[in-house]
Amino acid sequence: MQANKGFTQYVQAFIGLMVVTIIAVSVTIPTVITAISDAGLTGTTETVVEIVPLMIAVAVLMLVVSVIR
């Protein structure tokens, strides 16, 4: 019975992780990319702001790794 409880916690964590990943990849990153391109930034500001979607992806990846470990 105890082993089944531990497995259930992993399944719940995995489902939550998948929901967060899907939301980040399908909603957040495209929205940020569109907002950045519509802002009309140029030069150094544009270069720095274009890193934001990458940082979101890295944060999601770190979340996945931390939950799996």
N, C-alpha and C. Protein backbone atom coordinates (compact mmCIF):
# COMPACT_ATOMS: atom_id res chain seq x y z
N MET A 1 0.82 -1.19 0.00
CA MET A 1 0.00 0.00 0.00
C MET A 1 0.87 1.26 0.00
N GLN A 2 1.95 1.25 0.74
CA GLN A 2 2.83 2.41 0.84
C GLN A 2 3.50 2.71 -0.51
N ALA A 3 3.91 1.67 -1.24
CA ALA A 3 4.56 1.87 -2.54
C ALA A 3 3.60 2.52 -3.52
N ASN A 4 2.34 2.16 -3.46
CA ASN A 4 1.34 2.73 -4.35
C ASN A 4 1.15 4.22 -4.09
N LYS A 5 1.23 4.64 -2.84
CA LYS A 5 1.09 6.05 -2.48
C LYS A 5 2.24 6.87 -3.06
N GLY A 6 3.45 6.34 -2.99
CA GLY A 6 4.60 7.02 -3.56
C GLY A 6 4.49 7.17 -5.06
N PHE A 7 4.01 6.13 -5.72
CA PHE A 7 3.82 6.17 -7.16
C PHE A 7 2.77 7.22 -7.54
N THR A 8 1.72 7.30 -6.76
CA THR A 8 0.65 8.28 -7.01
C THR A 8 1.19 9.70 -6.92
N GLN A 9 2.09 9.96 -5.98
CA GLN A 9 2.68 11.29 -5.86
C GLN A 9 3.51 11.64 -7.09
N TYR A 10 4.24 10.65 -7.62
CA TYR A 10 5.01 10.89 -8.84
C TYR A 10 4.10 11.19 -10.02
N VAL A 11 3.01 10.47 -10.12
CA VAL A 11 2.07 10.69 -11.22
C VAL A 11 1.46 12.09 -11.11
N GLN A 12 1.06 12.49 -9.92
CA GLN A 12 0.50 13.83 -9.72
C GLN A 12 1.51 14.91 -10.05
N ALA A 13 2.75 14.72 -9.64
CA ALA A 13 3.80 15.69 -9.95
C ALA A 13 4.03 15.76 -11.45
N PHE A 14 4.02 14.62 -12.12
CA PHE A 14 4.22 14.58 -13.56
C PHE A 14 3.09 15.29 -14.30
N ILE A 15 1.85 15.07 -13.87
CA ILE A 15 0.70 15.72 -14.51
C ILE A 15 0.79 17.24 -14.33
N GLY A 16 1.11 17.68 -13.13
CA GLY A 16 1.27 19.12 -12.88
C GLY A 16 2.39 19.71 -13.71
N LEU A 17 3.48 18.98 -13.82
CA LEU A 17 4.62 19.42 -14.61
C LEU A 17 4.26 19.54 -16.08
N MET A 18 3.51 18.60 -16.59
CA MET A 18 3.09 18.64 -17.99
C MET A 18 2.17 19.83 -18.26
N VAL A 19 1.27 20.12 -17.32
CA VAL A 19 0.38 21.27 -17.48
C VAL A 19 1.18 22.56 -17.55
N VAL A 20 2.13 22.73 -16.65
CA VAL A 20 2.97 23.93 -16.64
C VAL A 20 3.78 24.03 -17.93
N THR A 21 4.34 22.92 -18.38
CA THR A 21 5.14 22.91 -19.60
C THR A 21 4.30 23.27 -20.82
N ILE A 22 3.12 22.70 -20.92
CA ILE A 22 2.25 22.99 -22.06
C ILE A 22 1.84 24.46 -22.07
N ILE A 23 1.50 24.99 -20.92
CA ILE A 23 1.11 26.41 -20.86
C ILE A 23 2.28 27.30 -21.24
N ALA A 24 3.47 26.99 -20.74
CA ALA A 24 4.65 27.81 -21.04
C ALA A 24 4.99 27.78 -22.52
N VAL A 25 4.94 26.59 -23.11
CA VAL A 25 5.37 26.44 -24.50
C VAL A 25 4.31 26.95 -25.47
N SER A 26 3.04 26.69 -25.19
CA SER A 26 2.02 27.03 -26.17
C SER A 26 1.39 28.41 -25.97
N VAL A 27 1.54 29.00 -24.80
CA VAL A 27 0.90 30.30 -24.54
C VAL A 27 1.93 31.38 -24.22
N THR A 28 2.72 31.15 -23.21
CA THR A 28 3.59 32.21 -22.69
C THR A 28 4.68 32.62 -23.68
N ILE A 29 5.43 31.67 -24.19
CA ILE A 29 6.55 32.01 -25.09
C ILE A 29 6.07 32.68 -26.37
N PRO A 30 5.05 32.15 -27.08
CA PRO A 30 4.58 32.87 -28.28
C PRO A 30 4.04 34.27 -27.98
N THR A 31 3.36 34.43 -26.85
CA THR A 31 2.84 35.75 -26.48
C THR A 31 3.98 36.73 -26.24
N VAL A 32 5.01 36.29 -25.55
CA VAL A 32 6.16 37.16 -25.28
C VAL A 32 6.87 37.51 -26.59
N ILE A 33 7.03 36.55 -27.46
CA ILE A 33 7.69 36.81 -28.74
C ILE A 33 6.89 37.82 -29.56
N THR A 34 5.57 37.67 -29.59
CA THR A 34 4.73 38.63 -30.33
C THR A 34 4.82 40.02 -29.72
N ALA A 35 4.78 40.11 -28.41
CA ALA A 35 4.86 41.41 -27.74
C ALA A 35 6.20 42.09 -28.02
N ILE A 36 7.26 41.31 -28.04
CA ILE A 36 8.59 41.88 -28.31
C ILE A 36 8.67 42.38 -29.75
N SER A 37 8.15 41.59 -30.68
CA SER A 37 8.24 42.00 -32.09
C SER A 37 7.34 43.21 -32.37
N ASP A 38 6.21 43.31 -31.67
CA ASP A 38 5.31 44.45 -31.87
C ASP A 38 5.79 45.72 -31.17
N ALA A 39 6.72 45.60 -30.25
CA ALA A 39 7.19 46.76 -29.49
C ALA A 39 8.04 47.70 -30.33
N GLY A 40 8.63 47.19 -31.39
CA GLY A 40 9.43 48.05 -32.26
C GLY A 40 10.74 48.48 -31.64
N LEU A 41 11.34 47.62 -30.85
CA LEU A 41 12.62 47.95 -30.22
C LEU A 41 13.75 47.82 -31.22
N THR A 42 14.83 48.55 -30.98
CA THR A 42 16.00 48.47 -31.85
C THR A 42 17.26 48.47 -31.00
N GLY A 43 18.33 48.07 -31.62
CA GLY A 43 19.64 48.15 -30.99
C GLY A 43 19.83 47.20 -29.83
N THR A 44 20.54 47.69 -28.84
CA THR A 44 20.89 46.88 -27.68
C THR A 44 19.66 46.44 -26.91
N THR A 45 18.69 47.31 -26.81
CA THR A 45 17.46 46.97 -26.08
C THR A 45 16.78 45.77 -26.71
N GLU A 46 16.69 45.75 -28.03
CA GLU A 46 16.08 44.63 -28.73
C GLU A 46 16.86 43.34 -28.48
N THR A 47 18.16 43.43 -28.53
CA THR A 47 19.00 42.25 -28.32
C THR A 47 18.80 41.67 -26.92
N VAL A 48 18.76 42.53 -25.93
CA VAL A 48 18.59 42.07 -24.55
C VAL A 48 17.20 41.51 -24.33
N VAL A 49 16.18 42.16 -24.86
CA VAL A 49 14.80 41.73 -24.65
C VAL A 49 14.51 40.43 -25.41
N GLU A 50 15.18 40.18 -26.51
CA GLU A 50 14.97 38.94 -27.26
C GLU A 50 15.45 37.71 -26.49
N ILE A 51 16.18 37.89 -25.42
CA ILE A 51 16.66 36.78 -24.60
C ILE A 51 15.56 36.28 -23.65
N VAL A 52 14.53 37.09 -23.43
CA VAL A 52 13.46 36.73 -22.47
C VAL A 52 12.80 35.39 -22.79
N PRO A 53 12.38 35.10 -24.04
CA PRO A 53 11.79 33.78 -24.30
C PRO A 53 12.74 32.62 -24.00
N LEU A 54 14.02 32.82 -24.28
CA LEU A 54 15.01 31.80 -23.95
C LEU A 54 15.07 31.57 -22.45
N MET A 55 15.03 32.63 -21.67
CA MET A 55 15.07 32.51 -20.22
C MET A 55 13.82 31.80 -19.69
N ILE A 56 12.68 32.04 -20.31
CA ILE A 56 11.46 31.33 -19.92
C ILE A 56 11.63 29.84 -20.18
N ALA A 57 12.17 29.50 -21.34
CA ALA A 57 12.39 28.09 -21.68
C ALA A 57 13.38 27.45 -20.71
N VAL A 58 14.43 28.16 -20.36
CA VAL A 58 15.41 27.63 -19.41
C VAL A 58 14.78 27.43 -18.04
N ALA A 59 13.93 28.37 -17.61
CA ALA A 59 13.25 28.24 -16.32
C ALA A 59 12.34 27.02 -16.30
N VAL A 60 11.62 26.77 -17.39
CA VAL A 60 10.76 25.59 -17.47
C VAL A 60 11.61 24.32 -17.44
N LEU A 61 12.72 24.33 -18.15
CA LEU A 61 13.61 23.17 -18.15
C LEU A 61 14.16 22.91 -16.76
N MET A 62 14.54 23.95 -16.04
CA MET A 62 15.04 23.79 -14.67
C MET A 62 13.94 23.26 -13.75
N LEU A 63 12.71 23.70 -13.97
CA LEU A 63 11.59 23.20 -13.19
C LEU A 63 11.40 21.71 -13.43
N VAL A 64 11.48 21.29 -14.68
CA VAL A 64 11.34 19.87 -15.02
C VAL A 64 12.42 19.05 -14.33
N VAL A 65 13.65 19.51 -14.43
CA VAL A 65 14.76 18.77 -13.83
C VAL A 65 14.63 18.71 -12.30
N SER A 66 14.22 19.81 -11.69
CA SER A 66 14.12 19.80 -10.24
C SER A 66 13.00 18.89 -9.74
N VAL A 67 11.92 18.79 -10.48
CA VAL A 67 10.83 17.91 -10.08
C VAL A 67 11.20 16.45 -10.29
N ILE A 68 11.92 16.16 -11.35
CA ILE A 68 12.31 14.77 -11.64
C ILE A 68 13.31 14.27 -10.61
N ARG A 69 14.24 15.13 -10.20
CA ARG A 69 15.25 14.71 -9.21
C ARG A 69 14.56 14.55 -7.92
